[in-house]
Amino acid sequence: MGYWGAGLYANDTGADVRDAYMKELQDGLDDETSWEKVQEKFGEYIGTDEEPLFWYAAADTQWRLGRLRPEVKAKAME
């Protein structure tokens, strides 16, 4: 994973999660399916030191789009 700054999306994990979720929505998938695809794609981060970056990026992106899921918020707040 690469870092180029201290911001939420200044690393590969955060940027990739955000971009993947946005792409699924832009491709016309509904929110539920988009989120499932992102979880499948980035499930490898769960249980690693990159897991917080996954949840922070997912929560922030969903929040900005008015789609913040309670379970994503809870994970990001842990």
PDB file of N, CA and C in Angstrom:
ATOM      1  N   MET A   1       0.840  -1.166   0.000  1.00  0.00           N
ATOM      2  CA  MET A   1       0.000   0.000   0.000  1.00  0.00           C
ATOM      3  C   MET A   1       0.887   1.231   0.000  1.00  0.00           C
ATOM      4  N   GLY A   2       0.485   2.233  -0.752  1.00  0.00           N
ATOM      5  CA  GLY A   2       1.245   3.465  -0.816  1.00  0.00           C
ATOM      6  C   GLY A   2       0.552   4.613  -0.096  1.00  0.00           C
ATOM      7  N   TYR A   3       1.343   5.485   0.479  1.00  0.00           N
ATOM      8  CA  TYR A   3       0.860   6.711   1.123  1.00  0.00           C
ATOM      9  C   TYR A   3       1.517   7.889   0.439  1.00  0.00           C
ATOM     10  N   TRP A   4       0.794   8.967   0.269  1.00  0.00           N
ATOM     11  CA  TRP A   4       1.401  10.174  -0.270  1.00  0.00           C
ATOM     12  C   TRP A   4       0.992  11.411   0.520  1.00  0.00           C
ATOM     13  N   GLY A   5       0.352  11.192   1.660  1.00  0.00           N
ATOM     14  CA  GLY A   5      -0.026  12.289   2.532  1.00  0.00           C
ATOM     15  C   GLY A   5      -0.754  11.751   3.748  1.00  0.00           C
ATOM     16  N   ALA A   6      -1.279  12.651   4.563  1.00  0.00           N
ATOM     17  CA  ALA A   6      -1.946  12.270   5.802  1.00  0.00           C
ATOM     18  C   ALA A   6      -3.472  12.256   5.679  1.00  0.00           C
ATOM     19  N   GLY A   7      -4.005  12.622   4.532  1.00  0.00           N
ATOM     20  CA  GLY A   7      -5.453  12.680   4.362  1.00  0.00           C
ATOM     21  C   GLY A   7      -6.092  11.306   4.263  1.00  0.00           C
ATOM     22  N   LEU A   8      -7.394  11.273   4.455  1.00  0.00           N
ATOM     23  CA  LEU A   8      -8.151  10.025   4.417  1.00  0.00           C
ATOM     24  C   LEU A   8      -7.958   9.271   3.113  1.00  0.00           C
ATOM     25  N   TYR A   9      -7.854   9.990   2.011  1.00  0.00           N
ATOM     26  CA  TYR A   9      -7.713   9.352   0.708  1.00  0.00           C
ATOM     27  C   TYR A   9      -6.300   9.481   0.142  1.00  0.00           C
ATOM     28  N   ALA A  10      -5.352   9.787   0.999  1.00  0.00           N
ATOM     29  CA  ALA A  10      -3.956   9.915   0.571  1.00  0.00           C
ATOM     30  C   ALA A  10      -3.214   8.593   0.760  1.00  0.00           C
ATOM     31  N   ASN A  11      -3.909   7.516   0.449  1.00  0.00           N
ATOM     32  CA  ASN A  11      -3.317   6.178   0.504  1.00  0.00           C
ATOM     33  C   ASN A  11      -4.104   5.305  -0.466  1.00  0.00           C
ATOM     34  N   ASP A  12      -3.497   4.230  -0.896  1.00  0.00           N
ATOM     35  CA  ASP A  12      -4.144   3.357  -1.881  1.00  0.00           C
ATOM     36  C   ASP A  12      -5.449   2.753  -1.385  1.00  0.00           C
ATOM     37  N   THR A  13      -5.487   2.326  -0.141  1.00  0.00           N
ATOM     38  CA  THR A  13      -6.676   1.655   0.375  1.00  0.00           C
ATOM     39  C   THR A  13      -7.873   2.590   0.386  1.00  0.00           C
ATOM     40  N   GLY A  14      -7.738   3.732   1.003  1.00  0.00           N
ATOM     41  CA  GLY A  14      -8.854   4.682   1.078  1.00  0.00           C
ATOM     42  C   GLY A  14      -9.333   5.114  -0.291  1.00  0.00           C
ATOM     43  N   ALA A  15      -8.402   5.454  -1.155  1.00  0.00           N
ATOM     44  CA  ALA A  15      -8.761   5.905  -2.499  1.00  0.00           C
ATOM     45  C   ALA A  15      -9.423   4.784  -3.296  1.00  0.00           C
ATOM     46  N   ASP A  16      -8.916   3.565  -3.166  1.00  0.00           N
ATOM     47  CA  ASP A  16      -9.485   2.440  -3.914  1.00  0.00           C
ATOM     48  C   ASP A  16     -10.903   2.106  -3.453  1.00  0.00           C
ATOM     49  N   VAL A  17     -11.134   2.123  -2.142  1.00  0.00           N
ATOM     50  CA  VAL A  17     -12.475   1.833  -1.614  1.00  0.00           C
ATOM     51  C   VAL A  17     -13.457   2.895  -2.097  1.00  0.00           C
ATOM     52  N   ARG A  18     -13.088   4.150  -1.965  1.00  0.00           N
ATOM     53  CA  ARG A  18     -13.957   5.246  -2.426  1.00  0.00           C
ATOM     54  C   ARG A  18     -14.255   5.114  -3.912  1.00  0.00           C
ATOM     55  N   ASP A  19     -13.219   4.936  -4.697  1.00  0.00           N
ATOM     56  CA  ASP A  19     -13.389   4.881  -6.149  1.00  0.00           C
ATOM     57  C   ASP A  19     -14.223   3.676  -6.585  1.00  0.00           C
ATOM     58  N   ALA A  20     -14.020   2.534  -5.942  1.00  0.00           N
ATOM     59  CA  ALA A  20     -14.779   1.335  -6.306  1.00  0.00           C
ATOM     60  C   ALA A  20     -16.259   1.512  -5.994  1.00  0.00           C
ATOM     61  N   TYR A  21     -16.570   2.054  -4.836  1.00  0.00           N
ATOM     62  CA  TYR A  21     -17.973   2.269  -4.454  1.00  0.00           C
ATOM     63  C   TYR A  21     -18.642   3.248  -5.419  1.00  0.00           C
ATOM     64  N   MET A  22     -17.954   4.336  -5.709  1.00  0.00           N
ATOM     65  CA  MET A  22     -18.497   5.339  -6.632  1.00  0.00           C
ATOM     66  C   MET A  22     -18.698   4.742  -8.026  1.00  0.00           C
ATOM     67  N   LYS A  23     -17.773   3.926  -8.487  1.00  0.00           N
ATOM     68  CA  LYS A  23     -17.891   3.324  -9.813  1.00  0.00           C
ATOM     69  C   LYS A  23     -19.105   2.410  -9.897  1.00  0.00           C
ATOM     70  N   GLU A  24     -19.309   1.604  -8.871  1.00  0.00           N
ATOM     71  CA  GLU A  24     -20.464   0.702  -8.875  1.00  0.00           C
ATOM     72  C   GLU A  24     -21.765   1.496  -8.959  1.00  0.00           C
ATOM     73  N   LEU A  25     -21.857   2.571  -8.219  1.00  0.00           N
ATOM     74  CA  LEU A  25     -23.061   3.408  -8.266  1.00  0.00           C
ATOM     75  C   LEU A  25     -23.204   4.080  -9.630  1.00  0.00           C
ATOM     76  N   GLN A  26     -22.103   4.574 -10.161  1.00  0.00           N
ATOM     77  CA  GLN A  26     -22.141   5.237 -11.468  1.00  0.00           C
ATOM     78  C   GLN A  26     -22.481   4.264 -12.584  1.00  0.00           C
ATOM     79  N   ASP A  27     -22.163   2.988 -12.377  1.00  0.00           N
ATOM     80  CA  ASP A  27     -22.515   1.963 -13.364  1.00  0.00           C
ATOM     81  C   ASP A  27     -23.992   1.587 -13.302  1.00  0.00           C
ATOM     82  N   GLY A  28     -24.719   2.186 -12.354  1.00  0.00           N
ATOM     83  CA  GLY A  28     -26.158   1.976 -12.279  1.00  0.00           C
ATOM     84  C   GLY A  28     -26.616   0.926 -11.289  1.00  0.00           C
ATOM     85  N   LEU A  29     -25.697   0.381 -10.494  1.00  0.00           N
ATOM     86  CA  LEU A  29     -26.110  -0.596  -9.497  1.00  0.00           C
ATOM     87  C   LEU A  29     -26.767   0.108  -8.319  1.00  0.00           C
ATOM     88  N   ASP A  30     -27.676  -0.586  -7.661  1.00  0.00           N
ATOM     89  CA  ASP A  30     -28.307   0.003  -6.480  1.00  0.00           C
ATOM     90  C   ASP A  30     -27.304   0.014  -5.325  1.00  0.00           C
ATOM     91  N   ASP A  31     -27.643   0.726  -4.278  1.00  0.00           N
ATOM     92  CA  ASP A  31     -26.730   0.911  -3.156  1.00  0.00           C
ATOM     93  C   ASP A  31     -26.341  -0.414  -2.517  1.00  0.00           C
ATOM     94  N   GLU A  32     -27.310  -1.282  -2.281  1.00  0.00           N
ATOM     95  CA  GLU A  32     -27.044  -2.571  -1.636  1.00  0.00           C
ATOM     96  C   GLU A  32     -26.040  -3.398  -2.440  1.00  0.00           C
ATOM     97  N   THR A  33     -26.275  -3.517  -3.726  1.00  0.00           N
ATOM     98  CA  THR A  33     -25.390  -4.300  -4.585  1.00  0.00           C
ATOM     99  C   THR A  33     -24.009  -3.662  -4.680  1.00  0.00           C
ATOM    100  N   SER A  34     -23.971  -2.354  -4.785  1.00  0.00           N
ATOM    101  CA  SER A  34     -22.686  -1.647  -4.842  1.00  0.00           C
ATOM    102  C   SER A  34     -21.860  -1.922  -3.596  1.00  0.00           C
ATOM    103  N   TRP A  35     -22.493  -1.839  -2.436  1.00  0.00           N
ATOM    104  CA  TRP A  35     -21.783  -2.060  -1.187  1.00  0.00           C
ATOM    105  C   TRP A  35     -21.319  -3.516  -1.076  1.00  0.00           C
ATOM    106  N   GLU A  36     -22.158  -4.459  -1.497  1.00  0.00           N
ATOM    107  CA  GLU A  36     -21.761  -5.863  -1.469  1.00  0.00           C
ATOM    108  C   GLU A  36     -20.531  -6.111  -2.346  1.00  0.00           C
ATOM    109  N   LYS A  37     -20.501  -5.505  -3.521  1.00  0.00           N
ATOM    110  CA  LYS A  37     -19.363  -5.686  -4.423  1.00  0.00           C
ATOM    111  C   LYS A  37     -18.082  -5.109  -3.812  1.00  0.00           C
ATOM    112  N   VAL A  38     -18.196  -3.965  -3.162  1.00  0.00           N
ATOM    113  CA  VAL A  38     -17.023  -3.357  -2.524  1.00  0.00           C
ATOM    114  C   VAL A  38     -16.527  -4.258  -1.395  1.00  0.00           C
ATOM    115  N   GLN A  39     -17.429  -4.788  -0.614  1.00  0.00           N
ATOM    116  CA  GLN A  39     -17.016  -5.684   0.469  1.00  0.00           C
ATOM    117  C   GLN A  39     -16.331  -6.935  -0.078  1.00  0.00           C
ATOM    118  N   GLU A  40     -16.841  -7.476  -1.150  1.00  0.00           N
ATOM    119  CA  GLU A  40     -16.221  -8.647  -1.763  1.00  0.00           C
ATOM    120  C   GLU A  40     -14.818  -8.309  -2.276  1.00  0.00           C
ATOM    121  N   LYS A  41     -14.718  -7.178  -2.947  1.00  0.00           N
ATOM    122  CA  LYS A  41     -13.440  -6.789  -3.552  1.00  0.00           C
ATOM    123  C   LYS A  41     -12.365  -6.499  -2.516  1.00  0.00           C
ATOM    124  N   PHE A  42     -12.755  -5.884  -1.404  1.00  0.00           N
ATOM    125  CA  PHE A  42     -11.775  -5.453  -0.411  1.00  0.00           C
ATOM    126  C   PHE A  42     -11.848  -6.232   0.890  1.00  0.00           C
ATOM    127  N   GLY A  43     -12.515  -7.368   0.879  1.00  0.00           N
ATOM    128  CA  GLY A  43     -12.632  -8.200   2.068  1.00  0.00           C
ATOM    129  C   GLY A  43     -11.293  -8.641   2.634  1.00  0.00           C
ATOM    130  N   GLU A  44     -10.279  -8.662   1.789  1.00  0.00           N
ATOM    131  CA  GLU A  44      -8.943  -9.055   2.240  1.00  0.00           C
ATOM    132  C   GLU A  44      -8.380  -8.097   3.287  1.00  0.00           C
ATOM    133  N   TYR A  45      -8.907  -6.882   3.371  1.00  0.00           N
ATOM    134  CA  TYR A  45      -8.413  -5.909   4.348  1.00  0.00           C
ATOM    135  C   TYR A  45      -8.940  -6.167   5.756  1.00  0.00           C
ATOM    136  N   ILE A  46     -10.049  -6.903   5.858  1.00  0.00           N
ATOM    137  CA  ILE A  46     -10.626  -7.178   7.166  1.00  0.00           C
ATOM    138  C   ILE A  46      -9.658  -8.049   7.957  1.00  0.00           C
ATOM    139  N   GLY A  47      -9.380  -7.613   9.169  1.00  0.00           N
ATOM    140  CA  GLY A  47      -8.455  -8.344  10.019  1.00  0.00           C
ATOM    141  C   GLY A  47      -6.995  -7.979   9.829  1.00  0.00           C
ATOM    142  N   THR A  48      -6.739  -6.965   8.993  1.00  0.00           N
ATOM    143  CA  THR A  48      -5.358  -6.510   8.785  1.00  0.00           C
ATOM    144  C   THR A  48      -5.210  -5.099   9.339  1.00  0.00           C
ATOM    145  N   ASP A  49      -3.994  -4.568   9.270  1.00  0.00           N
ATOM    146  CA  ASP A  49      -3.775  -3.197   9.747  1.00  0.00           C
ATOM    147  C   ASP A  49      -4.400  -2.163   8.816  1.00  0.00           C
ATOM    148  N   GLU A  50      -4.878  -2.590   7.651  1.00  0.00           N
ATOM    149  CA  GLU A  50      -5.543  -1.674   6.716  1.00  0.00           C
ATOM    150  C   GLU A  50      -7.065  -1.620   6.911  1.00  0.00           C
ATOM    151  N   GLU A  51      -7.582  -2.464   7.788  1.00  0.00           N
ATOM    152  CA  GLU A  51      -9.033  -2.494   7.994  1.00  0.00           C
ATOM    153  C   GLU A  51      -9.613  -1.138   8.391  1.00  0.00           C
ATOM    154  N   PRO A  52      -9.001  -0.395   9.325  1.00  0.00           N
ATOM    155  CA  PRO A  52      -9.578   0.911   9.662  1.00  0.00           C
ATOM    156  C   PRO A  52      -9.687   1.841   8.451  1.00  0.00           C
ATOM    157  N   LEU A  53      -8.689   1.804   7.564  1.00  0.00           N
ATOM    158  CA  LEU A  53      -8.737   2.648   6.371  1.00  0.00           C
ATOM    159  C   LEU A  53      -9.939   2.283   5.494  1.00  0.00           C
ATOM    160  N   PHE A  54     -10.224   0.986   5.395  1.00  0.00           N
ATOM    161  CA  PHE A  54     -11.386   0.516   4.637  1.00  0.00           C
ATOM    162  C   PHE A  54     -12.664   1.113   5.215  1.00  0.00           C
ATOM    163  N   TRP A  55     -12.854   0.970   6.528  1.00  0.00           N
ATOM    164  CA  TRP A  55     -14.093   1.448   7.152  1.00  0.00           C
ATOM    165  C   TRP A  55     -14.196   2.968   7.136  1.00  0.00           C
ATOM    166  N   TYR A  56     -13.098   3.671   7.370  1.00  0.00           N
ATOM    167  CA  TYR A  56     -13.136   5.139   7.335  1.00  0.00           C
ATOM    168  C   TYR A  56     -13.521   5.636   5.951  1.00  0.00           C
ATOM    169  N   ALA A  57     -12.909   5.081   4.922  1.00  0.00           N
ATOM    170  CA  ALA A  57     -13.202   5.510   3.552  1.00  0.00           C
ATOM    171  C   ALA A  57     -14.634   5.158   3.164  1.00  0.00           C
ATOM    172  N   ALA A  58     -15.077   3.971   3.536  1.00  0.00           N
ATOM    173  CA  ALA A  58     -16.445   3.566   3.222  1.00  0.00           C
ATOM    174  C   ALA A  58     -17.443   4.481   3.917  1.00  0.00           C
ATOM    175  N   ALA A  59     -17.229   4.743   5.194  1.00  0.00           N
ATOM    176  CA  ALA A  59     -18.156   5.587   5.955  1.00  0.00           C
ATOM    177  C   ALA A  59     -18.185   7.013   5.408  1.00  0.00           C
ATOM    178  N   ASP A  60     -17.028   7.568   5.150  1.00  0.00           N
ATOM    179  CA  ASP A  60     -16.979   8.939   4.645  1.00  0.00           C
ATOM    180  C   ASP A  60     -17.652   9.050   3.275  1.00  0.00           C
ATOM    181  N   THR A  61     -17.370   8.117   2.400  1.00  0.00           N
ATOM    182  CA  THR A  61     -17.961   8.155   1.066  1.00  0.00           C
ATOM    183  C   THR A  61     -19.469   7.998   1.135  1.00  0.00           C
ATOM    184  N   GLN A  62     -19.931   7.034   1.907  1.00  0.00           N
ATOM    185  CA  GLN A  62     -21.374   6.834   2.038  1.00  0.00           C
ATOM    186  C   GLN A  62     -22.034   8.056   2.667  1.00  0.00           C
ATOM    187  N   TRP A  63     -21.413   8.626   3.680  1.00  0.00           N
ATOM    188  CA  TRP A  63     -21.969   9.801   4.346  1.00  0.00           C
ATOM    189  C   TRP A  63     -22.101  10.977   3.364  1.00  0.00           C
ATOM    190  N   ARG A  64     -21.064  11.209   2.580  1.00  0.00           N
ATOM    191  CA  ARG A  64     -21.087  12.310   1.616  1.00  0.00           C
ATOM    192  C   ARG A  64     -22.186  12.138   0.563  1.00  0.00           C
ATOM    193  N   LEU A  65     -22.552  10.886   0.300  1.00  0.00           N
ATOM    194  CA  LEU A  65     -23.603  10.602  -0.680  1.00  0.00           C
ATOM    195  C   LEU A  65     -24.976  10.444  -0.038  1.00  0.00           C
ATOM    196  N   GLY A  66     -25.055  10.634   1.276  1.00  0.00           N
ATOM    197  CA  GLY A  66     -26.324  10.485   1.978  1.00  0.00           C
ATOM    198  C   GLY A  66     -26.779   9.038   2.068  1.00  0.00           C
ATOM    199  N   ARG A  67     -25.819   8.097   2.089  1.00  0.00           N
ATOM    200  CA  ARG A  67     -26.132   6.661   2.088  1.00  0.00           C
ATOM    201  C   ARG A  67     -25.423   5.916   3.217  1.00  0.00           C
ATOM    202  N   LEU A  68     -25.074   6.606   4.280  1.00  0.00           N
ATOM    203  CA  LEU A  68     -24.289   5.974   5.339  1.00  0.00           C
ATOM    204  C   LEU A  68     -25.095   4.862   6.017  1.00  0.00           C
ATOM    205  N   ARG A  69     -24.574   3.670   5.937  1.00  0.00           N
ATOM    206  CA  ARG A  69     -25.215   2.497   6.540  1.00  0.00           C
ATOM    207  C   ARG A  69     -24.839   2.451   8.028  1.00  0.00           C
ATOM    208  N   PRO A  70     -25.788   2.120   8.881  1.00  0.00           N
ATOM    209  CA  PRO A  70     -25.494   2.078  10.323  1.00  0.00           C
ATOM    210  C   PRO A  70     -24.335   1.148  10.678  1.00  0.00           C
ATOM    211  N   GLU A  71     -24.245   0.000  10.010  1.00  0.00           N
ATOM    212  CA  GLU A  71     -23.174  -0.940  10.332  1.00  0.00           C
ATOM    213  C   GLU A  71     -21.804  -0.415   9.906  1.00  0.00           C
ATOM    214  N   VAL A  72     -21.761   0.370   8.833  1.00  0.00           N
ATOM    215  CA  VAL A  72     -20.500   0.958   8.380  1.00  0.00           C
ATOM    216  C   VAL A  72     -20.084   2.064   9.356  1.00  0.00           C
ATOM    217  N   LYS A  73     -21.047   2.860   9.761  1.00  0.00           N
ATOM    218  CA  LYS A  73     -20.769   3.911  10.750  1.00  0.00           C
ATOM    219  C   LYS A  73     -20.235   3.298  12.043  1.00  0.00           C
ATOM    220  N   ALA A  74     -20.867   2.232  12.520  1.00  0.00           N
ATOM    221  CA  ALA A  74     -20.439   1.593  13.751  1.00  0.00           C
ATOM    222  C   ALA A  74     -19.014   1.064  13.643  1.00  0.00           C
ATOM    223  N   LYS A  75     -18.675   0.431  12.518  1.00  0.00           N
ATOM    224  CA  LYS A  75     -17.324  -0.082  12.330  1.00  0.00           C
ATOM    225  C   LYS A  75     -16.294   1.058  12.287  1.00  0.00           C
ATOM    226  N   ALA A  76     -16.639   2.139  11.609  1.00  0.00           N
ATOM    227  CA  ALA A  76     -15.717   3.269  11.517  1.00  0.00           C
ATOM    228  C   ALA A  76     -15.511   3.935  12.871  1.00  0.00           C
ATOM    229  N   MET A  77     -16.520   3.881  13.720  1.00  0.00           N
ATOM    230  CA  MET A  77     -16.429   4.514  15.028  1.00  0.00           C
ATOM    231  C   MET A  77     -15.721   3.633  16.069  1.00  0.00           C
ATOM    232  N   GLU A  78     -15.529   2.350  15.778  1.00  0.00           N
ATOM    233  CA  GLU A  78     -14.868   1.453  16.744  1.00  0.00           C
ATOM    234  C   GLU A  78     -13.462   1.889  17.082  1.00  0.00           C
TER     235      GLU A  78
END
